[in-house]
Amino acid sequence: MTVRSKGRRLAASIAAALAALAVALLPISPAHAAYGPDQPVYVQLNATGGYGALALLDGTVAFDDGNTKYRYALRLCWQSAYPAPYFQIIVNGANSTWPVESGTTTAPGCQRVFLYNAEVQFGGTVSNVRFDVTGGWFSSSGYMMRTRSSITYDNPFN
């Protein structure tokens, strides 16, 4: 065996050891949650007494198969409410959270459209979510407010 072949073997062994070490030290990326189908969200909030449409919330919500996250892509159309309407997200019938606004746009019939897109890590099991839309208006008897709830969207994974 020549000195040259021993050197090549040594170099190949060192290269293989370094490659194995590099693979072992690479961070292991977490598995990504798979989301179920998007469920359509639709809540039309109207004033009582024939005073008209106040706000419209529409878009989608979906749940992850790990039961701890949900995501939404929603639009809140400000129709004739005063001041601007708002909504809250109710998780598991009790935990109320505020949505994350991601921008605004315009649309026919809306003073402004507020956009909401987020993935929410709840920190526990998400069994269901509901959306409560609130808006106000002036009637002949003074300032009024009203809240309308969406249906309850059940997590299909639990």
N, C-alpha and C. Protein backbone atom coordinates (compact mmCIF):
# COMPACT_ATOMS: atom_id res chain seq x y z
N MET A 1 0.85 -1.17 0.00
CA MET A 1 0.00 0.00 0.00
C MET A 1 0.89 1.24 0.00
N THR A 2 0.55 2.14 -0.80
CA THR A 2 1.38 3.34 -0.94
C THR A 2 0.92 4.42 0.03
N VAL A 3 1.79 5.37 0.24
CA VAL A 3 1.47 6.50 1.11
C VAL A 3 0.32 7.31 0.50
N ARG A 4 0.33 7.36 -0.81
CA ARG A 4 -0.70 8.12 -1.50
C ARG A 4 -2.08 7.52 -1.28
N SER A 5 -2.27 6.20 -1.36
CA SER A 5 -3.57 5.57 -1.16
C SER A 5 -4.01 5.67 0.30
N LYS A 6 -3.05 5.60 1.25
CA LYS A 6 -3.41 5.77 2.66
C LYS A 6 -3.94 7.19 2.89
N GLY A 7 -3.33 8.15 2.25
CA GLY A 7 -3.76 9.54 2.37
C GLY A 7 -5.15 9.75 1.78
N ARG A 8 -5.40 9.11 0.66
CA ARG A 8 -6.73 9.22 0.05
C ARG A 8 -7.79 8.60 0.95
N ARG A 9 -7.46 7.42 1.50
CA ARG A 9 -8.43 6.77 2.40
C ARG A 9 -8.69 7.62 3.64
N LEU A 10 -7.64 8.18 4.17
CA LEU A 10 -7.78 9.03 5.35
C LEU A 10 -8.64 10.26 5.02
N ALA A 11 -8.39 10.87 3.88
CA ALA A 11 -9.19 12.03 3.46
C ALA A 11 -10.65 11.64 3.24
N ALA A 12 -10.88 10.49 2.61
CA ALA A 12 -12.25 10.02 2.39
C ALA A 12 -12.95 9.73 3.70
N SER A 13 -12.22 9.15 4.66
CA SER A 13 -12.81 8.85 5.97
C SER A 13 -13.17 10.14 6.71
N ILE A 14 -12.28 11.11 6.65
CA ILE A 14 -12.56 12.39 7.32
C ILE A 14 -13.76 13.08 6.66
N ALA A 15 -13.81 13.05 5.33
CA ALA A 15 -14.94 13.66 4.62
C ALA A 15 -16.25 12.98 4.99
N ALA A 16 -16.26 11.65 5.07
CA ALA A 16 -17.47 10.92 5.44
C ALA A 16 -17.88 11.25 6.86
N ALA A 17 -16.90 11.35 7.77
CA ALA A 17 -17.21 11.68 9.16
C ALA A 17 -17.78 13.08 9.26
N LEU A 18 -17.22 14.03 8.53
CA LEU A 18 -17.74 15.40 8.55
C LEU A 18 -19.14 15.48 7.96
N ALA A 19 -19.40 14.72 6.90
CA ALA A 19 -20.74 14.70 6.31
C ALA A 19 -21.76 14.14 7.29
N ALA A 20 -21.39 13.06 7.98
CA ALA A 20 -22.30 12.46 8.97
C ALA A 20 -22.55 13.43 10.12
N LEU A 21 -21.50 14.13 10.54
CA LEU A 21 -21.65 15.10 11.62
C LEU A 21 -22.56 16.26 11.18
N ALA A 22 -22.39 16.73 9.95
CA ALA A 22 -23.23 17.82 9.44
C ALA A 22 -24.70 17.42 9.40
N VAL A 23 -24.97 16.20 8.96
CA VAL A 23 -26.36 15.72 8.91
C VAL A 23 -26.93 15.62 10.32
N ALA A 24 -26.12 15.15 11.27
CA ALA A 24 -26.59 15.01 12.64
C ALA A 24 -26.87 16.36 13.29
N LEU A 25 -26.12 17.38 12.89
CA LEU A 25 -26.29 18.69 13.51
C LEU A 25 -27.34 19.57 12.84
N LEU A 26 -27.85 19.18 11.69
CA LEU A 26 -28.89 19.96 11.02
C LEU A 26 -30.13 20.00 11.90
N PRO A 27 -30.74 21.17 12.03
CA PRO A 27 -31.96 21.21 12.84
C PRO A 27 -33.07 20.39 12.19
N ILE A 28 -33.77 19.70 13.03
CA ILE A 28 -34.91 18.92 12.55
C ILE A 28 -36.10 19.85 12.49
N SER A 29 -36.68 20.01 11.33
CA SER A 29 -37.82 20.90 11.18
C SER A 29 -39.08 20.20 11.68
N PRO A 30 -39.92 20.94 12.40
CA PRO A 30 -41.14 20.33 12.91
C PRO A 30 -42.10 19.99 11.77
N ALA A 31 -42.91 19.00 12.03
CA ALA A 31 -43.94 18.63 11.05
C ALA A 31 -44.97 19.76 10.97
N HIS A 32 -45.42 20.07 9.79
CA HIS A 32 -46.43 21.11 9.62
C HIS A 32 -47.82 20.50 9.81
N ALA A 33 -48.65 21.27 10.49
CA ALA A 33 -50.01 20.81 10.72
C ALA A 33 -50.78 20.82 9.40
N ALA A 34 -51.60 19.84 9.25
CA ALA A 34 -52.49 19.80 8.09
C ALA A 34 -53.82 20.43 8.50
N TYR A 35 -54.33 21.29 7.66
CA TYR A 35 -55.61 21.93 7.95
C TYR A 35 -56.73 21.21 7.24
N GLY A 36 -57.88 21.21 7.90
CA GLY A 36 -59.08 20.66 7.30
C GLY A 36 -59.62 21.64 6.27
N PRO A 37 -60.76 21.32 5.70
CA PRO A 37 -61.33 22.19 4.67
C PRO A 37 -61.74 23.55 5.24
N ASP A 38 -61.63 24.58 4.40
CA ASP A 38 -62.12 25.90 4.79
C ASP A 38 -63.63 25.84 4.95
N GLN A 39 -64.12 26.40 6.06
CA GLN A 39 -65.55 26.49 6.31
C GLN A 39 -65.98 27.94 6.07
N PRO A 40 -67.02 28.15 5.28
CA PRO A 40 -67.43 29.53 4.98
C PRO A 40 -68.05 30.23 6.20
N VAL A 41 -67.66 31.48 6.39
CA VAL A 41 -68.18 32.32 7.47
C VAL A 41 -69.04 33.41 6.83
N TYR A 42 -70.24 33.64 7.40
CA TYR A 42 -71.12 34.68 6.88
C TYR A 42 -71.99 35.18 8.03
N VAL A 43 -71.85 36.45 8.37
CA VAL A 43 -72.68 37.07 9.41
C VAL A 43 -73.12 38.44 8.90
N GLN A 44 -74.41 38.62 8.68
CA GLN A 44 -74.96 39.93 8.29
C GLN A 44 -75.59 40.54 9.53
N LEU A 45 -75.09 41.69 9.95
CA LEU A 45 -75.62 42.40 11.11
C LEU A 45 -76.51 43.53 10.61
N ASN A 46 -77.79 43.48 10.98
CA ASN A 46 -78.76 44.51 10.60
C ASN A 46 -79.27 45.22 11.84
N ALA A 47 -79.58 46.49 11.69
CA ALA A 47 -80.20 47.25 12.76
C ALA A 47 -81.65 46.81 12.89
N THR A 48 -82.21 47.01 14.06
CA THR A 48 -83.63 46.71 14.25
C THR A 48 -84.45 47.93 13.79
N GLY A 49 -85.72 47.73 13.59
CA GLY A 49 -86.61 48.84 13.24
C GLY A 49 -86.45 49.37 11.83
N GLY A 50 -85.89 48.57 10.95
CA GLY A 50 -85.76 48.99 9.56
C GLY A 50 -84.68 50.02 9.29
N TYR A 51 -83.69 50.12 10.17
CA TYR A 51 -82.63 51.12 9.99
C TYR A 51 -81.50 50.64 9.08
N GLY A 52 -81.57 49.43 8.55
CA GLY A 52 -80.63 49.00 7.52
C GLY A 52 -79.49 48.10 7.98
N ALA A 53 -78.64 47.81 7.01
CA ALA A 53 -77.50 46.91 7.22
C ALA A 53 -76.37 47.67 7.91
N LEU A 54 -75.80 47.06 8.95
CA LEU A 54 -74.72 47.69 9.70
C LEU A 54 -73.34 47.17 9.29
N ALA A 55 -73.23 45.84 9.16
CA ALA A 55 -71.92 45.24 8.86
C ALA A 55 -72.12 43.84 8.31
N LEU A 56 -71.14 43.41 7.52
CA LEU A 56 -71.14 42.06 6.97
C LEU A 56 -69.76 41.45 7.17
N LEU A 57 -69.72 40.31 7.84
CA LEU A 57 -68.47 39.56 8.03
C LEU A 57 -68.55 38.32 7.16
N ASP A 58 -67.55 38.13 6.29
CA ASP A 58 -67.52 36.91 5.49
C ASP A 58 -66.08 36.47 5.25
N GLY A 59 -65.93 35.20 4.90
CA GLY A 59 -64.61 34.63 4.66
C GLY A 59 -64.60 33.16 5.00
N THR A 60 -63.48 32.69 5.55
CA THR A 60 -63.35 31.28 5.89
C THR A 60 -62.61 31.08 7.21
N VAL A 61 -62.84 29.91 7.80
CA VAL A 61 -62.11 29.46 8.99
C VAL A 61 -61.78 27.99 8.78
N ALA A 62 -60.64 27.55 9.30
CA ALA A 62 -60.23 26.14 9.18
C ALA A 62 -59.46 25.75 10.44
N PHE A 63 -59.47 24.46 10.74
CA PHE A 63 -58.82 23.93 11.94
C PHE A 63 -57.69 22.98 11.57
N ASP A 64 -56.64 22.94 12.42
CA ASP A 64 -55.54 22.03 12.14
C ASP A 64 -55.82 20.67 12.77
N ASP A 65 -55.18 19.64 12.23
CA ASP A 65 -55.44 18.28 12.71
C ASP A 65 -54.80 18.00 14.07
N GLY A 66 -54.02 18.93 14.59
CA GLY A 66 -53.45 18.76 15.93
C GLY A 66 -54.36 19.29 17.02
N ASN A 67 -55.48 19.89 16.65
CA ASN A 67 -56.51 20.40 17.56
C ASN A 67 -56.08 21.60 18.40
N THR A 68 -54.98 22.26 18.07
CA THR A 68 -54.53 23.40 18.88
C THR A 68 -54.47 24.71 18.10
N LYS A 69 -54.72 24.66 16.80
CA LYS A 69 -54.63 25.88 15.98
C LYS A 69 -55.85 26.01 15.07
N TYR A 70 -56.11 27.26 14.70
CA TYR A 70 -57.09 27.52 13.65
C TYR A 70 -56.59 28.71 12.85
N ARG A 71 -57.11 28.87 11.65
CA ARG A 71 -56.74 30.01 10.83
C ARG A 71 -58.01 30.62 10.25
N TYR A 72 -57.92 31.90 9.96
CA TYR A 72 -59.07 32.57 9.35
C TYR A 72 -58.59 33.56 8.29
N ALA A 73 -59.46 33.77 7.33
CA ALA A 73 -59.29 34.80 6.30
C ALA A 73 -60.66 35.46 6.17
N LEU A 74 -60.80 36.65 6.75
CA LEU A 74 -62.12 37.28 6.88
C LEU A 74 -62.10 38.72 6.38
N ARG A 75 -63.28 39.19 5.97
CA ARG A 75 -63.50 40.57 5.56
C ARG A 75 -64.67 41.11 6.38
N LEU A 76 -64.48 42.28 6.98
CA LEU A 76 -65.56 42.94 7.69
C LEU A 76 -65.93 44.20 6.91
N CYS A 77 -67.10 44.15 6.26
CA CYS A 77 -67.60 45.27 5.47
C CYS A 77 -68.34 46.23 6.40
N TRP A 78 -67.85 47.45 6.48
CA TRP A 78 -68.49 48.49 7.27
C TRP A 78 -69.57 49.11 6.40
N GLN A 79 -70.83 48.77 6.69
CA GLN A 79 -71.94 49.27 5.89
C GLN A 79 -72.42 50.60 6.46
N SER A 80 -73.37 50.60 7.39
CA SER A 80 -73.86 51.89 7.91
C SER A 80 -73.74 52.01 9.42
N ALA A 81 -72.98 51.15 10.06
CA ALA A 81 -72.79 51.22 11.51
C ALA A 81 -72.07 52.52 11.89
N TYR A 82 -72.34 53.00 13.10
CA TYR A 82 -71.60 54.13 13.64
C TYR A 82 -71.29 53.87 15.10
N PRO A 83 -70.04 53.97 15.53
CA PRO A 83 -68.84 54.06 14.69
C PRO A 83 -68.59 52.74 13.96
N ALA A 84 -67.35 52.52 13.52
CA ALA A 84 -67.03 51.31 12.75
C ALA A 84 -67.40 50.05 13.54
N PRO A 85 -67.91 49.04 12.86
CA PRO A 85 -68.25 47.78 13.53
C PRO A 85 -66.98 47.02 13.92
N TYR A 86 -67.15 46.03 14.75
CA TYR A 86 -66.02 45.18 15.14
C TYR A 86 -66.54 43.78 15.40
N PHE A 87 -65.60 42.84 15.55
CA PHE A 87 -66.02 41.48 15.91
C PHE A 87 -64.99 40.86 16.84
N GLN A 88 -65.45 39.85 17.56
CA GLN A 88 -64.58 39.07 18.43
C GLN A 88 -64.69 37.60 18.03
N ILE A 89 -63.66 36.85 18.38
CA ILE A 89 -63.63 35.41 18.12
C ILE A 89 -63.81 34.71 19.46
N ILE A 90 -64.81 33.85 19.53
CA ILE A 90 -65.09 33.11 20.76
C ILE A 90 -64.64 31.67 20.54
N VAL A 91 -63.66 31.23 21.33
CA VAL A 91 -63.11 29.88 21.20
C VAL A 91 -63.68 29.01 22.31
N ASN A 92 -64.19 27.85 21.94
CA ASN A 92 -64.75 26.88 22.88
C ASN A 92 -65.89 27.47 23.72
N GLY A 93 -66.58 28.45 23.18
CA GLY A 93 -67.75 29.01 23.85
C GLY A 93 -67.45 29.95 24.99
N ALA A 94 -66.16 30.18 25.31
CA ALA A 94 -65.86 30.98 26.48
C ALA A 94 -64.72 31.98 26.28
N ASN A 95 -63.67 31.60 25.60
CA ASN A 95 -62.49 32.44 25.48
C ASN A 95 -62.67 33.43 24.33
N SER A 96 -62.70 34.71 24.67
CA SER A 96 -62.91 35.75 23.67
C SER A 96 -61.57 36.36 23.27
N THR A 97 -61.32 36.45 21.97
CA THR A 97 -60.08 37.06 21.49
C THR A 97 -60.41 38.06 20.39
N TRP A 98 -59.51 39.01 20.20
CA TRP A 98 -59.66 39.99 19.14
C TRP A 98 -58.95 39.49 17.90
N PRO A 99 -59.51 39.74 16.73
CA PRO A 99 -58.87 39.30 15.49
C PRO A 99 -57.66 40.18 15.16
N VAL A 100 -56.82 39.67 14.28
CA VAL A 100 -55.63 40.39 13.83
C VAL A 100 -55.94 41.05 12.48
N GLU A 101 -55.99 42.38 12.47
CA GLU A 101 -56.28 43.09 11.22
C GLU A 101 -55.04 43.10 10.34
N SER A 102 -55.23 42.78 9.06
CA SER A 102 -54.09 42.73 8.15
C SER A 102 -54.14 43.79 7.06
N GLY A 103 -55.15 44.66 7.11
CA GLY A 103 -55.23 45.72 6.12
C GLY A 103 -56.66 46.16 5.87
N THR A 104 -56.81 47.04 4.89
CA THR A 104 -58.14 47.51 4.49
C THR A 104 -58.20 47.56 2.97
N THR A 105 -59.41 47.59 2.48
CA THR A 105 -59.64 47.74 1.05
C THR A 105 -61.01 48.39 0.87
N THR A 106 -61.46 48.46 -0.35
CA THR A 106 -62.78 49.02 -0.63
C THR A 106 -63.61 47.99 -1.39
N ALA A 107 -64.91 48.16 -1.30
CA ALA A 107 -65.85 47.30 -2.03
C ALA A 107 -67.17 48.05 -2.16
N PRO A 108 -67.93 47.80 -3.21
CA PRO A 108 -69.23 48.45 -3.36
C PRO A 108 -70.13 48.15 -2.16
N GLY A 109 -70.81 49.17 -1.66
CA GLY A 109 -71.72 49.01 -0.54
C GLY A 109 -71.05 49.05 0.82
N CYS A 110 -69.73 49.27 0.84
CA CYS A 110 -68.99 49.31 2.11
C CYS A 110 -68.26 50.64 2.23
N GLN A 111 -68.35 51.27 3.40
CA GLN A 111 -67.55 52.48 3.64
C GLN A 111 -66.07 52.13 3.61
N ARG A 112 -65.76 50.98 4.18
CA ARG A 112 -64.40 50.44 4.20
C ARG A 112 -64.52 48.95 4.46
N VAL A 113 -63.55 48.18 4.00
CA VAL A 113 -63.50 46.75 4.27
C VAL A 113 -62.23 46.47 5.05
N PHE A 114 -62.39 45.92 6.24
CA PHE A 114 -61.26 45.55 7.08
C PHE A 114 -60.92 44.09 6.80
N LEU A 115 -59.63 43.80 6.61
CA LEU A 115 -59.18 42.45 6.28
C LEU A 115 -58.51 41.83 7.50
N TYR A 116 -58.78 40.55 7.71
CA TYR A 116 -58.23 39.81 8.84
C TYR A 116 -57.74 38.46 8.35
N ASN A 117 -56.45 38.20 8.53
CA ASN A 117 -55.86 36.92 8.14
C ASN A 117 -54.87 36.52 9.23
N ALA A 118 -55.06 35.35 9.80
CA ALA A 118 -54.13 34.91 10.85
C ALA A 118 -54.23 33.42 11.06
N GLU A 119 -53.15 32.88 11.60
CA GLU A 119 -53.12 31.52 12.11
C GLU A 119 -52.95 31.66 13.61
N VAL A 120 -53.84 31.08 14.38
CA VAL A 120 -53.85 31.27 15.83
C VAL A 120 -53.44 29.98 16.53
N GLN A 121 -52.39 30.05 17.33
CA GLN A 121 -51.97 28.95 18.20
C GLN A 121 -52.69 29.19 19.52
N PHE A 122 -53.70 28.38 19.82
CA PHE A 122 -54.57 28.65 20.96
C PHE A 122 -53.92 28.32 22.30
N GLY A 123 -53.10 27.30 22.36
CA GLY A 123 -52.48 26.91 23.62
C GLY A 123 -53.26 25.83 24.35
N GLY A 124 -54.22 25.25 23.71
CA GLY A 124 -55.03 24.17 24.25
C GLY A 124 -55.85 23.59 23.11
N THR A 125 -56.75 22.70 23.45
CA THR A 125 -57.60 22.09 22.43
C THR A 125 -58.63 23.10 21.92
N VAL A 126 -58.74 23.20 20.62
CA VAL A 126 -59.75 24.06 19.99
C VAL A 126 -60.89 23.15 19.53
N SER A 127 -62.01 23.21 20.22
CA SER A 127 -63.17 22.40 19.84
C SER A 127 -64.05 23.11 18.82
N ASN A 128 -64.17 24.44 18.98
CA ASN A 128 -65.01 25.21 18.06
C ASN A 128 -64.70 26.69 18.17
N VAL A 129 -65.15 27.45 17.19
CA VAL A 129 -65.05 28.91 17.24
C VAL A 129 -66.36 29.51 16.75
N ARG A 130 -66.60 30.74 17.18
CA ARG A 130 -67.77 31.50 16.77
C ARG A 130 -67.32 32.95 16.60
N PHE A 131 -68.02 33.70 15.77
CA PHE A 131 -67.67 35.09 15.52
C PHE A 131 -68.85 35.97 15.93
N ASP A 132 -68.61 36.94 16.81
CA ASP A 132 -69.63 37.88 17.28
C ASP A 132 -69.37 39.26 16.68
N VAL A 133 -70.29 39.73 15.84
CA VAL A 133 -70.15 41.02 15.16
C VAL A 133 -71.02 42.05 15.88
N THR A 134 -70.44 43.22 16.18
CA THR A 134 -71.16 44.28 16.90
C THR A 134 -71.11 45.58 16.11
N GLY A 135 -72.24 46.27 16.10
CA GLY A 135 -72.32 47.56 15.43
C GLY A 135 -73.39 48.43 16.09
N GLY A 136 -73.29 49.72 15.88
CA GLY A 136 -74.26 50.64 16.46
C GLY A 136 -74.88 51.55 15.41
N TRP A 137 -75.96 52.23 15.79
CA TRP A 137 -76.66 53.16 14.90
C TRP A 137 -77.53 54.08 15.74
N PHE A 138 -77.96 55.17 15.12
CA PHE A 138 -78.88 56.09 15.77
C PHE A 138 -80.29 55.82 15.27
N SER A 139 -81.19 55.62 16.21
CA SER A 139 -82.60 55.42 15.88
C SER A 139 -83.39 56.60 16.44
N SER A 140 -84.69 56.57 16.26
CA SER A 140 -85.54 57.65 16.79
C SER A 140 -85.52 57.69 18.31
N SER A 141 -85.12 56.59 18.94
CA SER A 141 -85.06 56.57 20.40
C SER A 141 -83.64 56.70 20.94
N GLY A 142 -82.67 57.05 20.09
CA GLY A 142 -81.30 57.26 20.56
C GLY A 142 -80.32 56.26 19.97
N TYR A 143 -79.14 56.25 20.57
CA TYR A 143 -78.09 55.37 20.07
C TYR A 143 -78.36 53.93 20.49
N MET A 144 -78.22 53.01 19.55
CA MET A 144 -78.47 51.59 19.80
C MET A 144 -77.23 50.79 19.39
N MET A 145 -77.06 49.64 20.02
CA MET A 145 -76.00 48.71 19.63
C MET A 145 -76.59 47.31 19.56
N ARG A 146 -75.99 46.51 18.69
CA ARG A 146 -76.48 45.15 18.53
C ARG A 146 -75.30 44.24 18.20
N THR A 147 -75.36 43.00 18.71
CA THR A 147 -74.36 41.98 18.39
C THR A 147 -75.07 40.79 17.79
N ARG A 148 -74.49 40.26 16.73
CA ARG A 148 -75.02 39.05 16.12
C ARG A 148 -73.91 38.01 16.06
N SER A 149 -74.25 36.79 16.44
CA SER A 149 -73.29 35.69 16.45
C SER A 149 -73.41 34.85 15.20
N SER A 150 -72.28 34.35 14.75
CA SER A 150 -72.28 33.39 13.65
C SER A 150 -72.75 32.05 14.19
N ILE A 151 -72.86 31.09 13.30
CA ILE A 151 -73.04 29.72 13.77
C ILE A 151 -71.74 29.33 14.47
N THR A 152 -71.76 28.25 15.20
CA THR A 152 -70.55 27.73 15.83
C THR A 152 -69.88 26.78 14.85
N TYR A 153 -68.62 27.05 14.55
CA TYR A 153 -67.86 26.22 13.61
C TYR A 153 -67.10 25.16 14.39
N ASP A 154 -67.48 23.91 14.19
CA ASP A 154 -66.87 22.80 14.93
C ASP A 154 -65.59 22.33 14.28
N ASN A 155 -64.62 22.00 15.12
CA ASN A 155 -63.37 21.42 14.66
C ASN A 155 -63.64 19.98 14.22
N PRO A 156 -63.43 19.64 12.96
CA PRO A 156 -63.75 18.28 12.49
C PRO A 156 -62.77 17.22 13.00
N PHE A 157 -61.70 17.64 13.67
CA PHE A 157 -60.69 16.68 14.12
C PHE A 157 -60.88 16.23 15.56
N ASN A 158 -61.93 16.73 16.25
CA ASN A 158 -62.16 16.25 17.62
C ASN A 158 -63.65 16.07 17.88
